[in-house]
């Protein structure tokens, strides 16, 4: 089990420290990740890829009203986070 909130904060710090991401990018990614994982109670089992994938799909499904560029950024935030994990 992982605590998503803690891991998201660690990921964002690594973006800032290692990749020199701008504060605006960090803010946007934080918002994106929080929105995607909303409703998970902050804890997800990473042993279950299906469970994690379901949370991501549900989060993205709720965002049908967004512009394609906003959806793309959210997907990029999730991909980067998952790769970092």
Protein backbone atom coordinates (compact mmCIF):
# COMPACT_ATOMS: atom_id res chain seq x y z
CA UNK A 1 0.00 0.00 0.00
CA UNK A 2 1.17 3.51 -0.70
CA UNK A 3 -0.01 6.80 0.67
CA UNK A 4 -0.71 8.72 -2.50
CA UNK A 5 -0.59 12.18 -0.98
CA UNK A 6 2.86 11.56 0.46
CA UNK A 7 4.15 10.03 -2.76
CA UNK A 8 2.71 12.84 -4.88
CA UNK A 9 4.51 15.41 -2.71
CA UNK A 10 7.78 13.47 -3.01
CA UNK A 11 7.33 13.28 -6.79
CA UNK A 12 6.67 17.00 -7.08
CA UNK A 13 9.73 17.76 -4.94
CA UNK A 14 11.83 15.58 -7.23
CA UNK A 15 10.53 17.49 -10.25
CA UNK A 16 11.55 20.71 -8.62
CA UNK A 17 14.94 19.49 -7.37
CA UNK A 18 16.11 17.25 -10.19
CA UNK A 19 14.30 18.46 -13.28
CA UNK A 20 14.14 22.15 -12.37
CA UNK A 21 10.45 22.25 -13.27
CA UNK A 22 8.87 25.66 -12.98
CA UNK A 23 6.68 26.49 -9.98
CA UNK A 24 3.72 26.78 -12.37
CA UNK A 25 4.31 23.26 -13.69
CA UNK A 26 4.59 21.92 -10.14
CA UNK A 27 1.34 23.64 -9.19
CA UNK A 28 -0.46 22.30 -12.27
CA UNK A 29 0.82 18.73 -11.80
CA UNK A 30 -0.16 18.77 -8.13
CA UNK A 31 -3.67 19.86 -9.01
CA UNK A 32 -3.87 17.30 -11.83
CA UNK A 33 -2.73 14.40 -9.67
CA UNK A 34 -5.03 15.37 -6.80
CA UNK A 35 -7.97 15.51 -9.20
CA UNK A 36 -7.14 12.18 -10.82
CA UNK A 37 -6.78 10.37 -7.50
CA UNK A 38 -9.69 12.13 -5.82
CA UNK A 39 -11.83 9.65 -3.92
CA UNK A 40 -9.08 7.14 -3.21
CA UNK A 41 -8.85 8.16 0.47
CA UNK A 42 -5.20 8.81 -0.25
CA UNK A 43 -4.18 5.14 -0.02
CA UNK A 44 -3.91 2.72 -2.92
CA UNK A 45 -2.32 -0.69 -3.21
CA UNK A 46 0.44 -0.56 -5.80
CA UNK A 47 0.54 -4.35 -5.72
CA UNK A 48 -2.68 -4.23 -7.70
CA UNK A 49 -2.13 -2.59 -11.06
CA UNK A 50 -5.80 -3.14 -11.86
CA UNK A 51 -6.89 -1.12 -8.82
CA UNK A 52 -4.54 1.74 -9.63
CA UNK A 53 -5.55 1.70 -13.29
CA UNK A 54 -9.22 1.79 -12.30
CA UNK A 55 -8.64 4.89 -10.15
CA UNK A 56 -6.83 6.61 -13.00
CA UNK A 57 -9.48 5.71 -15.57
CA UNK A 58 -12.26 6.88 -13.26
CA UNK A 59 -10.45 10.14 -12.62
CA UNK A 60 -9.90 10.81 -16.30
CA UNK A 61 -13.45 9.78 -17.19
CA UNK A 62 -14.81 12.56 -14.97
CA UNK A 63 -12.93 15.17 -16.99
CA UNK A 64 -14.81 15.01 -20.26
CA UNK A 65 -15.50 18.75 -20.14
CA UNK A 66 -11.83 19.70 -20.40
CA UNK A 67 -9.97 20.96 -23.43
CA UNK A 68 -7.69 18.41 -25.15
CA UNK A 69 -4.59 20.29 -23.96
CA UNK A 70 -5.74 20.08 -20.32
CA UNK A 71 -6.45 16.36 -20.65
CA UNK A 72 -3.03 15.84 -22.22
CA UNK A 73 -1.31 17.60 -19.31
CA UNK A 74 -3.20 15.48 -16.78
CA UNK A 75 -2.20 12.32 -18.62
CA UNK A 76 1.42 13.53 -18.73
CA UNK A 77 1.31 14.19 -14.98
CA UNK A 78 0.01 10.69 -14.28
CA UNK A 79 2.50 9.02 -16.63
CA UNK A 80 5.40 10.89 -15.05
CA UNK A 81 4.21 10.03 -11.54
CA UNK A 82 3.76 6.33 -12.34
CA UNK A 83 7.16 6.16 -14.01
CA UNK A 84 8.71 7.84 -10.95
CA UNK A 85 7.04 5.36 -8.59
